[in-house]
Amino acid sequence: MSELDKYKLFTKHLAELSGNVIRKYFRTNVKVDSKPDASPVTIADKKAEELMRGEIMKNFPEHGIIGEEFGEHNPGAEYKWILDPIDGTKSFICGTVTFGTLIALLKNNQPVLGVINQPILKEFLLGDNSTAELNDVKVNVRACNKLSDAVLLTTDHLNIKKYQDIEKFNELTGRVKLYRNWGDCYGYYLVATGYADIMIDPVMNVWDLMALIPVIRGAGGIITDYHGNNPVTGSSIIAASPGIHKNIIELLN
């Protein structure tokens, strides 16, 4: 077994453990607290990340960790795990399934593995920049060469206005076949599995985006920041089918 295969198995282990925690609290009267940035957090977020961090420290003590809820550990490590226990906490607390757990593994600050795990539907999507598999079945972005044929997704329309050019984004929404706010990591899942063609987020944190890169690339899509640059060093994301990505970048910028 290669080193990468070993880490792939471990990501599945992390997804199963965190999923068990999240399912326990889903659609319950869970208490919602506010973080300093006013974003919501629940006991499910915290317990899921604590469990994953503990497993990483036990199995790979030399590795680093960056988690949304508990910060950074061992920052100088060659390998780093990037964790977002519930990407889409607002969706989670509203009882919808458009959320997921994001797990990324970086080597020398470059993402080599990414996971989008939907614990309620038990959908485990794993990408390694070359391939992407949903529950061990290979998936690909679908062919889309015209914006007029495309399904466009974003997490929050109001964030486009807050962080980017809303008039240009509105022009894009008028040129696609369908526009919906099926967002957070599940939007990228839909692109990678061929059910949507464009997913856009105008602002992202490192734990929001690192897992998405190997998944979208592995599924044959193109992923950049909002301006067409390297997503690894960016703070926004545009993921799309190869046939339309360039057109999107030009239209939005």
Foldseek 3Di string as FASTA:
>chain_A
DDPVVVVVVVVVVLQVQLLVLLVVCFPDPWDWDADPVRDIDTPSQVVSVVVSVVVCCVPPVQEWEAEPPPGIDNVVGQKYKQWRSWFPVVCRVVRHQLIFIWIFIHGNLATQKIWTARSVVRWIWIFGLAWIDTVNHTAAFDDDQFQQAFEEEEQDLVQCVVQADSVLVVVSCVRHNYYDHSYQCVVLVCRLRHNGFKYWFQFADQSRPRNSNRSLSNRQWDKAALQRHHNSPDGIIIIGHPNCPVVNNVSRD
